[in-house]
PDB file of all heavy atoms in Angstrom:
ATOM      1  N   GLY A   1      14.830  -3.482  -7.100  1.00  0.00           N
ATOM      2  CA  GLY A   1      15.431  -3.170  -5.806  1.00  0.00           C
ATOM      3  C   GLY A   1      14.642  -3.602  -4.581  1.00  0.00           C
ATOM      4  O   GLY A   1      15.225  -3.948  -3.556  1.00  0.00           O
ATOM      5  N   ILE A   2      13.324  -3.585  -4.658  1.00  0.00           N
ATOM      6  CA  ILE A   2      12.481  -4.052  -3.553  1.00  0.00           C
ATOM      7  C   ILE A   2      11.377  -4.924  -4.135  1.00  0.00           C
ATOM      8  O   ILE A   2      11.019  -4.800  -5.303  1.00  0.00           O
ATOM      9  CB  ILE A   2      11.887  -2.891  -2.710  1.00  0.00           C
ATOM     10  CG1 ILE A   2      11.038  -1.947  -3.564  1.00  0.00           C
ATOM     11  CG2 ILE A   2      12.985  -2.136  -1.976  1.00  0.00           C
ATOM     12  CD1 ILE A   2      10.346  -0.845  -2.760  1.00  0.00           C
ATOM     13  N   ASP A   3      10.838  -5.795  -3.302  1.00  0.00           N
ATOM     14  CA  ASP A   3       9.788  -6.684  -3.789  1.00  0.00           C
ATOM     15  C   ASP A   3       8.417  -6.016  -3.666  1.00  0.00           C
ATOM     16  O   ASP A   3       8.270  -4.949  -3.070  1.00  0.00           O
ATOM     17  CB  ASP A   3       9.832  -8.047  -3.096  1.00  0.00           C
ATOM     18  CG  ASP A   3       9.548  -7.986  -1.602  1.00  0.00           C
ATOM     19  OD1 ASP A   3       8.975  -6.995  -1.107  1.00  0.00           O
ATOM     20  OD2 ASP A   3       9.902  -8.959  -0.916  1.00  0.00           O
ATOM     21  N   ASP A   4       7.426  -6.663  -4.239  1.00  0.00           N
ATOM     22  CA  ASP A   4       6.075  -6.093  -4.262  1.00  0.00           C
ATOM     23  C   ASP A   4       5.461  -5.968  -2.875  1.00  0.00           C
ATOM     24  O   ASP A   4       4.669  -5.066  -2.627  1.00  0.00           O
ATOM     25  CB  ASP A   4       5.161  -6.905  -5.182  1.00  0.00           C
ATOM     26  CG  ASP A   4       5.488  -6.699  -6.650  1.00  0.00           C
ATOM     27  OD1 ASP A   4       6.273  -5.789  -6.978  1.00  0.00           O
ATOM     28  OD2 ASP A   4       4.955  -7.460  -7.479  1.00  0.00           O
ATOM     29  N   LYS A   5       5.824  -6.868  -1.965  1.00  0.00           N
ATOM     30  CA  LYS A   5       5.325  -6.743  -0.591  1.00  0.00           C
ATOM     31  C   LYS A   5       5.797  -5.419   0.008  1.00  0.00           C
ATOM     32  O   LYS A   5       5.007  -4.683   0.601  1.00  0.00           O
ATOM     33  CB  LYS A   5       5.809  -7.904   0.278  1.00  0.00           C
ATOM     34  CG  LYS A   5       5.176  -9.227  -0.036  1.00  0.00           C
ATOM     35  CD  LYS A   5       5.747 -10.300   0.880  1.00  0.00           C
ATOM     36  CE  LYS A   5       5.316 -11.670   0.445  1.00  0.00           C
ATOM     37  NZ  LYS A   5       5.867 -12.707   1.330  1.00  0.00           N
ATOM     38  N   GLN A   6       7.083  -5.118  -0.167  1.00  0.00           N
ATOM     39  CA  GLN A   6       7.619  -3.875   0.390  1.00  0.00           C
ATOM     40  C   GLN A   6       7.005  -2.660  -0.298  1.00  0.00           C
ATOM     41  O   GLN A   6       6.695  -1.666   0.342  1.00  0.00           O
ATOM     42  CB  GLN A   6       9.144  -3.831   0.274  1.00  0.00           C
ATOM     43  CG  GLN A   6       9.761  -2.637   0.971  1.00  0.00           C
ATOM     44  CD  GLN A   6       9.457  -2.630   2.459  1.00  0.00           C
ATOM     45  OE1 GLN A   6       9.738  -3.598   3.150  1.00  0.00           O
ATOM     46  NE2 GLN A   6       8.869  -1.554   2.950  1.00  0.00           N
ATOM     47  N   ARG A   7       6.822  -2.741  -1.606  1.00  0.00           N
ATOM     48  CA  ARG A   7       6.168  -1.626  -2.323  1.00  0.00           C
ATOM     49  C   ARG A   7       4.770  -1.387  -1.759  1.00  0.00           C
ATOM     50  O   ARG A   7       4.358  -0.248  -1.566  1.00  0.00           O
ATOM     51  CB  ARG A   7       6.073  -1.928  -3.813  1.00  0.00           C
ATOM     52  CG  ARG A   7       7.348  -1.747  -4.554  1.00  0.00           C
ATOM     53  CD  ARG A   7       7.131  -1.937  -6.062  1.00  0.00           C
ATOM     54  NE  ARG A   7       8.307  -2.511  -6.656  1.00  0.00           N
ATOM     55  CZ  ARG A   7       9.463  -1.901  -6.797  1.00  0.00           C
ATOM     56  NH1 ARG A   7       9.603  -0.668  -6.404  1.00  0.00           N
ATOM     57  NH2 ARG A   7      10.492  -2.513  -7.340  1.00  0.00           N
ATOM     58  N   SER A   8       4.041  -2.473  -1.503  1.00  0.00           N
ATOM     59  CA  SER A   8       2.692  -2.342  -0.950  1.00  0.00           C
ATOM     60  C   SER A   8       2.725  -1.669   0.418  1.00  0.00           C
ATOM     61  O   SER A   8       1.925  -0.765   0.688  1.00  0.00           O
ATOM     62  CB  SER A   8       2.021  -3.720  -0.834  1.00  0.00           C
ATOM     63  OG  SER A   8       1.625  -4.188  -2.096  1.00  0.00           O
ATOM     64  N   LEU A   9       3.633  -2.102   1.280  1.00  0.00           N
ATOM     65  CA  LEU A   9       3.721  -1.508   2.612  1.00  0.00           C
ATOM     66  C   LEU A   9       4.128  -0.033   2.520  1.00  0.00           C
ATOM     67  O   LEU A   9       3.589   0.813   3.250  1.00  0.00           O
ATOM     68  CB  LEU A   9       4.699  -2.302   3.483  1.00  0.00           C
ATOM     69  CG  LEU A   9       4.296  -3.758   3.742  1.00  0.00           C
ATOM     70  CD1 LEU A   9       5.388  -4.487   4.522  1.00  0.00           C
ATOM     71  CD2 LEU A   9       2.955  -3.867   4.440  1.00  0.00           C
ATOM     72  N   ASN A  10       5.039   0.286   1.608  1.00  0.00           N
ATOM     73  CA  ASN A  10       5.410   1.693   1.385  1.00  0.00           C
ATOM     74  C   ASN A  10       4.192   2.512   0.976  1.00  0.00           C
ATOM     75  O   ASN A  10       3.971   3.622   1.476  1.00  0.00           O
ATOM     76  CB  ASN A  10       6.479   1.812   0.294  1.00  0.00           C
ATOM     77  CG  ASN A  10       7.826   1.271   0.700  1.00  0.00           C
ATOM     78  OD1 ASN A  10       8.063   0.910   1.846  1.00  0.00           O
ATOM     79  ND2 ASN A  10       8.729   1.187  -0.261  1.00  0.00           N
ATOM     80  N   ASN A  11       3.403   1.962   0.056  1.00  0.00           N
ATOM     81  CA  ASN A  11       2.224   2.690  -0.414  1.00  0.00           C
ATOM     82  C   ASN A  11       1.212   2.909   0.702  1.00  0.00           C
ATOM     83  O   ASN A  11       0.547   3.950   0.743  1.00  0.00           O
ATOM     84  CB  ASN A  11       1.574   1.970  -1.596  1.00  0.00           C
ATOM     85  CG  ASN A  11       2.316   2.229  -2.893  1.00  0.00           C
ATOM     86  OD1 ASN A  11       3.274   2.979  -2.930  1.00  0.00           O
ATOM     87  ND2 ASN A  11       1.881   1.593  -3.946  1.00  0.00           N
ATOM     88  N   LEU A  12       1.086   1.935   1.598  1.00  0.00           N
ATOM     89  CA  LEU A  12       0.173   2.126   2.726  1.00  0.00           C
ATOM     90  C   LEU A  12       0.622   3.310   3.572  1.00  0.00           C
ATOM     91  O   LEU A  12      -0.200   4.144   3.962  1.00  0.00           O
ATOM     92  CB  LEU A  12       0.086   0.854   3.577  1.00  0.00           C
ATOM     93  CG  LEU A  12      -0.570  -0.347   2.901  1.00  0.00           C
ATOM     94  CD1 LEU A  12      -0.551  -1.546   3.836  1.00  0.00           C
ATOM     95  CD2 LEU A  12      -1.985  -0.022   2.445  1.00  0.00           C
ATOM     96  N   CYS A  13       1.910   3.384   3.844  1.00  0.00           N
ATOM     97  CA  CYS A  13       2.422   4.510   4.638  1.00  0.00           C
ATOM     98  C   CYS A  13       2.176   5.841   3.935  1.00  0.00           C
ATOM     99  O   CYS A  13       1.718   6.806   4.555  1.00  0.00           O
ATOM    100  CB  CYS A  13       3.914   4.323   4.916  1.00  0.00           C
ATOM    101  SG  CYS A  13       4.268   2.936   6.006  1.00  0.00           S
ATOM    102  N   MET A  14       2.475   5.895   2.661  1.00  0.00           N
ATOM    103  CA  MET A  14       2.336   7.159   1.929  1.00  0.00           C
ATOM    104  C   MET A  14       0.879   7.591   1.781  1.00  0.00           C
ATOM    105  O   MET A  14       0.552   8.764   1.986  1.00  0.00           O
ATOM    106  CB  MET A  14       3.008   7.056   0.559  1.00  0.00           C
ATOM    107  CG  MET A  14       4.524   6.960   0.664  1.00  0.00           C
ATOM    108  SD  MET A  14       5.360   6.866  -0.934  1.00  0.00           S
ATOM    109  CE  MET A  14       5.046   5.160  -1.391  1.00  0.00           C
ATOM    110  N   THR A  15       0.001   6.651   1.443  1.00  0.00           N
ATOM    111  CA  THR A  15      -1.402   7.040   1.262  1.00  0.00           C
ATOM    112  C   THR A  15      -2.045   7.413   2.599  1.00  0.00           C
ATOM    113  O   THR A  15      -2.883   8.304   2.651  1.00  0.00           O
ATOM    114  CB  THR A  15      -2.212   5.944   0.541  1.00  0.00           C
ATOM    115  OG1 THR A  15      -2.089   4.700   1.232  1.00  0.00           O
ATOM    116  CG2 THR A  15      -1.742   5.777  -0.905  1.00  0.00           C
ATOM    117  N   ALA A  16      -1.634   6.742   3.677  1.00  0.00           N
ATOM    118  CA  ALA A  16      -2.144   7.120   5.007  1.00  0.00           C
ATOM    119  C   ALA A  16      -1.651   8.514   5.373  1.00  0.00           C
ATOM    120  O   ALA A  16      -2.424   9.341   5.873  1.00  0.00           O
ATOM    121  CB  ALA A  16      -1.704   6.101   6.058  1.00  0.00           C
ATOM    122  N   ALA A  17      -0.371   8.792   5.139  1.00  0.00           N
ATOM    123  CA  ALA A  17       0.194  10.100   5.476  1.00  0.00           C
ATOM    124  C   ALA A  17      -0.495  11.221   4.702  1.00  0.00           C
ATOM    125  O   ALA A  17      -0.678  12.324   5.220  1.00  0.00           O
ATOM    126  CB  ALA A  17       1.691  10.115   5.193  1.00  0.00           C
ATOM    127  N   LEU A  18      -0.901  10.921   3.481  1.00  0.00           N
ATOM    128  CA  LEU A  18      -1.556  11.921   2.645  1.00  0.00           C
ATOM    129  C   LEU A  18      -3.067  11.983   2.868  1.00  0.00           C
ATOM    130  O   LEU A  18      -3.737  12.836   2.286  1.00  0.00           O
ATOM    131  CB  LEU A  18      -1.270  11.630   1.163  1.00  0.00           C
ATOM    132  CG  LEU A  18       0.189  11.796   0.739  1.00  0.00           C
ATOM    133  CD1 LEU A  18       0.404  11.226  -0.652  1.00  0.00           C
ATOM    134  CD2 LEU A  18       0.592  13.259   0.796  1.00  0.00           C
ATOM    135  N   GLY A  19      -3.589  11.073   3.689  1.00  0.00           N
ATOM    136  CA  GLY A  19      -5.028  11.065   3.941  1.00  0.00           C
ATOM    137  C   GLY A  19      -5.840  10.619   2.740  1.00  0.00           C
ATOM    138  O   GLY A  19      -6.978  11.048   2.559  1.00  0.00           O
ATOM    139  N   ARG A  20      -5.289   9.741   1.935  1.00  0.00           N
ATOM    140  CA  ARG A  20      -5.969   9.266   0.729  1.00  0.00           C
ATOM    141  C   ARG A  20      -6.615   7.911   1.001  1.00  0.00           C
ATOM    142  O   ARG A  20      -6.110   6.863   0.619  1.00  0.00           O
ATOM    143  CB  ARG A  20      -4.982   9.163  -0.437  1.00  0.00           C
ATOM    144  CG  ARG A  20      -4.272  10.452  -0.783  1.00  0.00           C
ATOM    145  CD  ARG A  20      -5.257  11.499  -1.286  1.00  0.00           C
ATOM    146  NE  ARG A  20      -4.575  12.640  -1.871  1.00  0.00           N
ATOM    147  CZ  ARG A  20      -4.464  13.817  -1.286  1.00  0.00           C
ATOM    148  NH1 ARG A  20      -4.980  14.013  -0.084  1.00  0.00           N
ATOM    149  NH2 ARG A  20      -3.850  14.805  -1.885  1.00  0.00           N
ATOM    150  N   SER A  21      -7.744   7.930   1.691  1.00  0.00           N
ATOM    151  CA  SER A  21      -8.398   6.708   2.162  1.00  0.00           C
ATOM    152  C   SER A  21      -8.785   5.757   1.037  1.00  0.00           C
ATOM    153  O   SER A  21      -8.658   4.538   1.178  1.00  0.00           O
ATOM    154  CB  SER A  21      -9.640   7.054   2.985  1.00  0.00           C
ATOM    155  OG  SER A  21      -9.261   7.755   4.128  1.00  0.00           O
ATOM    156  N   HIS A  22      -9.273   6.294  -0.075  1.00  0.00           N
ATOM    157  CA  HIS A  22      -9.667   5.421  -1.187  1.00  0.00           C
ATOM    158  C   HIS A  22      -8.450   4.663  -1.716  1.00  0.00           C
ATOM    159  O   HIS A  22      -8.508   3.442  -1.917  1.00  0.00           O
ATOM    160  CB  HIS A  22     -10.330   6.243  -2.301  1.00  0.00           C
ATOM    161  CG  HIS A  22     -10.721   5.426  -3.488  1.00  0.00           C
ATOM    162  ND1 HIS A  22     -11.812   4.597  -3.482  1.00  0.00           N
ATOM    163  CD2 HIS A  22     -10.148   5.296  -4.703  1.00  0.00           C
ATOM    164  CE1 HIS A  22     -11.905   3.986  -4.651  1.00  0.00           C
ATOM    165  NE2 HIS A  22     -10.896   4.390  -5.410  1.00  0.00           N
ATOM    166  N   GLU A  23      -7.354   5.372  -1.940  1.00  0.00           N
ATOM    167  CA  GLU A  23      -6.129   4.734  -2.419  1.00  0.00           C
ATOM    168  C   GLU A  23      -5.565   3.783  -1.371  1.00  0.00           C
ATOM    169  O   GLU A  23      -5.047   2.716  -1.703  1.00  0.00           O
ATOM    170  CB  GLU A  23      -5.085   5.783  -2.802  1.00  0.00           C
ATOM    171  CG  GLU A  23      -5.463   6.619  -4.004  1.00  0.00           C
ATOM    172  CD  GLU A  23      -5.568   5.806  -5.288  1.00  0.00           C
ATOM    173  OE1 GLU A  23      -4.694   4.950  -5.536  1.00  0.00           O
ATOM    174  OE2 GLU A  23      -6.540   6.026  -6.040  1.00  0.00           O
ATOM    175  N   PHE A  24      -5.664   4.155  -0.085  1.00  0.00           N
ATOM    176  CA  PHE A  24      -5.206   3.279   0.988  1.00  0.00           C
ATOM    177  C   PHE A  24      -5.949   1.946   0.926  1.00  0.00           C
ATOM    178  O   PHE A  24      -5.337   0.883   1.008  1.00  0.00           O
ATOM    179  CB  PHE A  24      -5.397   3.936   2.365  1.00  0.00           C
ATOM    180  CG  PHE A  24      -4.910   3.086   3.503  1.00  0.00           C
ATOM    181  CD1 PHE A  24      -3.620   3.223   3.975  1.00  0.00           C
ATOM    182  CD2 PHE A  24      -5.740   2.132   4.078  1.00  0.00           C
ATOM    183  CE1 PHE A  24      -3.157   2.420   5.015  1.00  0.00           C
ATOM    184  CE2 PHE A  24      -5.293   1.323   5.112  1.00  0.00           C
ATOM    185  CZ  PHE A  24      -3.994   1.466   5.583  1.00  0.00           C
ATOM    186  N   GLU A  25      -7.257   2.009   0.763  1.00  0.00           N
ATOM    187  CA  GLU A  25      -8.052   0.781   0.701  1.00  0.00           C
ATOM    188  C   GLU A  25      -7.642  -0.094  -0.483  1.00  0.00           C
ATOM    189  O   GLU A  25      -7.482  -1.310  -0.342  1.00  0.00           O
ATOM    190  CB  GLU A  25      -9.543   1.116   0.627  1.00  0.00           C
ATOM    191  CG  GLU A  25     -10.429  -0.107   0.652  1.00  0.00           C
ATOM    192  CD  GLU A  25     -11.912   0.215   0.716  1.00  0.00           C
ATOM    193  OE1 GLU A  25     -12.277   1.319   1.174  1.00  0.00           O
ATOM    194  OE2 GLU A  25     -12.707  -0.648   0.306  1.00  0.00           O
ATOM    195  N   LEU A  26      -7.458   0.516  -1.654  1.00  0.00           N
ATOM    196  CA  LEU A  26      -7.012  -0.248  -2.830  1.00  0.00           C
ATOM    197  C   LEU A  26      -5.679  -0.919  -2.556  1.00  0.00           C
ATOM    198  O   LEU A  26      -5.476  -2.097  -2.867  1.00  0.00           O
ATOM    199  CB  LEU A  26      -6.864   0.675  -4.045  1.00  0.00           C
ATOM    200  CG  LEU A  26      -8.130   1.201  -4.689  1.00  0.00           C
ATOM    201  CD1 LEU A  26      -7.785   2.237  -5.743  1.00  0.00           C
ATOM    202  CD2 LEU A  26      -8.918   0.060  -5.297  1.00  0.00           C
ATOM    203  N   HIS A  27      -4.749  -0.170  -1.963  1.00  0.00           N
ATOM    204  CA  HIS A  27      -3.418  -0.715  -1.727  1.00  0.00           C
ATOM    205  C   HIS A  27      -3.385  -1.677  -0.540  1.00  0.00           C
ATOM    206  O   HIS A  27      -2.516  -2.548  -0.483  1.00  0.00           O
ATOM    207  CB  HIS A  27      -2.389   0.407  -1.590  1.00  0.00           C
ATOM    208  CG  HIS A  27      -2.019   0.976  -2.917  1.00  0.00           C
ATOM    209  ND1 HIS A  27      -1.181   0.325  -3.790  1.00  0.00           N
ATOM    210  CD2 HIS A  27      -2.407   2.114  -3.545  1.00  0.00           C
ATOM    211  CE1 HIS A  27      -1.051   1.037  -4.890  1.00  0.00           C
ATOM    212  NE2 HIS A  27      -1.797   2.128  -4.772  1.00  0.00           N
ATOM    213  N   PHE A  28      -4.330  -1.563   0.388  1.00  0.00           N
ATOM    214  CA  PHE A  28      -4.420  -2.551   1.459  1.00  0.00           C
ATOM    215  C   PHE A  28      -4.830  -3.899   0.864  1.00  0.00           C
ATOM    216  O   PHE A  28      -4.245  -4.937   1.192  1.00  0.00           O
ATOM    217  CB  PHE A  28      -5.405  -2.095   2.547  1.00  0.00           C
ATOM    218  CG  PHE A  28      -5.278  -2.885   3.819  1.00  0.00           C
ATOM    219  CD1 PHE A  28      -4.335  -2.537   4.770  1.00  0.00           C
ATOM    220  CD2 PHE A  28      -6.096  -3.974   4.055  1.00  0.00           C
ATOM    221  CE1 PHE A  28      -4.201  -3.285   5.937  1.00  0.00           C
ATOM    222  CE2 PHE A  28      -5.973  -4.715   5.221  1.00  0.00           C
ATOM    223  CZ  PHE A  28      -5.019  -4.372   6.171  1.00  0.00           C
ATOM    224  N   LYS A  29      -5.810  -3.872  -0.024  1.00  0.00           N
ATOM    225  CA  LYS A  29      -6.206  -5.097  -0.722  1.00  0.00           C
ATOM    226  C   LYS A  29      -5.036  -5.623  -1.547  1.00  0.00           C
ATOM    227  O   LYS A  29      -4.790  -6.833  -1.594  1.00  0.00           O
ATOM    228  CB  LYS A  29      -7.414  -4.842  -1.619  1.00  0.00           C
ATOM    229  CG  LYS A  29      -8.692  -4.588  -0.854  1.00  0.00           C
ATOM    230  CD  LYS A  29      -9.831  -4.207  -1.781  1.00  0.00           C
ATOM    231  CE  LYS A  29     -11.090  -3.893  -0.987  1.00  0.00           C
ATOM    232  NZ  LYS A  29     -12.184  -3.411  -1.867  1.00  0.00           N
ATOM    233  N   GLY A  30      -4.312  -4.713  -2.200  1.00  0.00           N
ATOM    234  CA  GLY A  30      -3.143  -5.102  -2.986  1.00  0.00           C
ATOM    235  C   GLY A  30      -2.058  -5.721  -2.131  1.00  0.00           C
ATOM    236  O   GLY A  30      -1.394  -6.679  -2.547  1.00  0.00           O
ATOM    237  N   ALA A  31      -1.859  -5.205  -0.925  1.00  0.00           N
ATOM    238  CA  ALA A  31      -0.854  -5.763  -0.018  1.00  0.00           C
ATOM    239  C   ALA A  31      -1.206  -7.199   0.348  1.00  0.00           C
ATOM    240  O   ALA A  31      -0.326  -8.063   0.419  1.00  0.00           O
ATOM    241  CB  ALA A  31      -0.736  -4.893   1.235  1.00  0.00           C
ATOM    242  N   ILE A  32      -2.486  -7.450   0.555  1.00  0.00           N
ATOM    243  CA  ILE A  32      -2.925  -8.822   0.837  1.00  0.00           C
ATOM    244  C   ILE A  32      -2.675  -9.699  -0.389  1.00  0.00           C
ATOM    245  O   ILE A  32      -2.136 -10.805  -0.276  1.00  0.00           O
ATOM    246  CB  ILE A  32      -4.408  -8.845   1.263  1.00  0.00           C
ATOM    247  CG1 ILE A  32      -4.560  -8.155   2.631  1.00  0.00           C
ATOM    248  CG2 ILE A  32      -4.947 -10.277   1.297  1.00  0.00           C
ATOM    249  CD1 ILE A  32      -5.993  -7.882   3.045  1.00  0.00           C
ATOM    250  N   ALA A  33      -3.031  -9.186  -1.575  1.00  0.00           N
ATOM    251  CA  ALA A  33      -2.801  -9.936  -2.812  1.00  0.00           C
ATOM    252  C   ALA A  33      -1.312 -10.207  -3.028  1.00  0.00           C
ATOM    253  O   ALA A  33      -0.940 -11.247  -3.593  1.00  0.00           O
ATOM    254  CB  ALA A  33      -3.386  -9.190  -4.014  1.00  0.00           C
ATOM    255  N   ASN A  34      -0.458  -9.301  -2.570  1.00  0.00           N
ATOM    256  CA  ASN A  34       0.987  -9.456  -2.728  1.00  0.00           C
ATOM    257  C   ASN A  34       1.601 -10.351  -1.656  1.00  0.00           C
ATOM    258  O   ASN A  34       2.805 -10.544  -1.634  1.00  0.00           O
ATOM    259  CB  ASN A  34       1.686  -8.096  -2.711  1.00  0.00           C
ATOM    260  CG  ASN A  34       1.597  -7.414  -4.056  1.00  0.00           C
ATOM    261  OD1 ASN A  34       1.446  -8.063  -5.074  1.00  0.00           O
ATOM    262  ND2 ASN A  34       1.688  -6.108  -4.060  1.00  0.00           N
ATOM    263  N   GLY A  35       0.791 -10.878  -0.751  1.00  0.00           N
ATOM    264  CA  GLY A  35       1.284 -11.829   0.229  1.00  0.00           C
ATOM    265  C   GLY A  35       1.778 -11.239   1.535  1.00  0.00           C
ATOM    266  O   GLY A  35       2.450 -11.924   2.305  1.00  0.00           O
TER     267      GLY A  35
END
């Protein structure tokens, strides 16, 4: 239903909202890897 770029951006929003900095950093790198 959605591509990996959108999943990455969704995860950034969710991890930021939850204050999960370690996960945010992993998914920020993942967002770059996903283009």
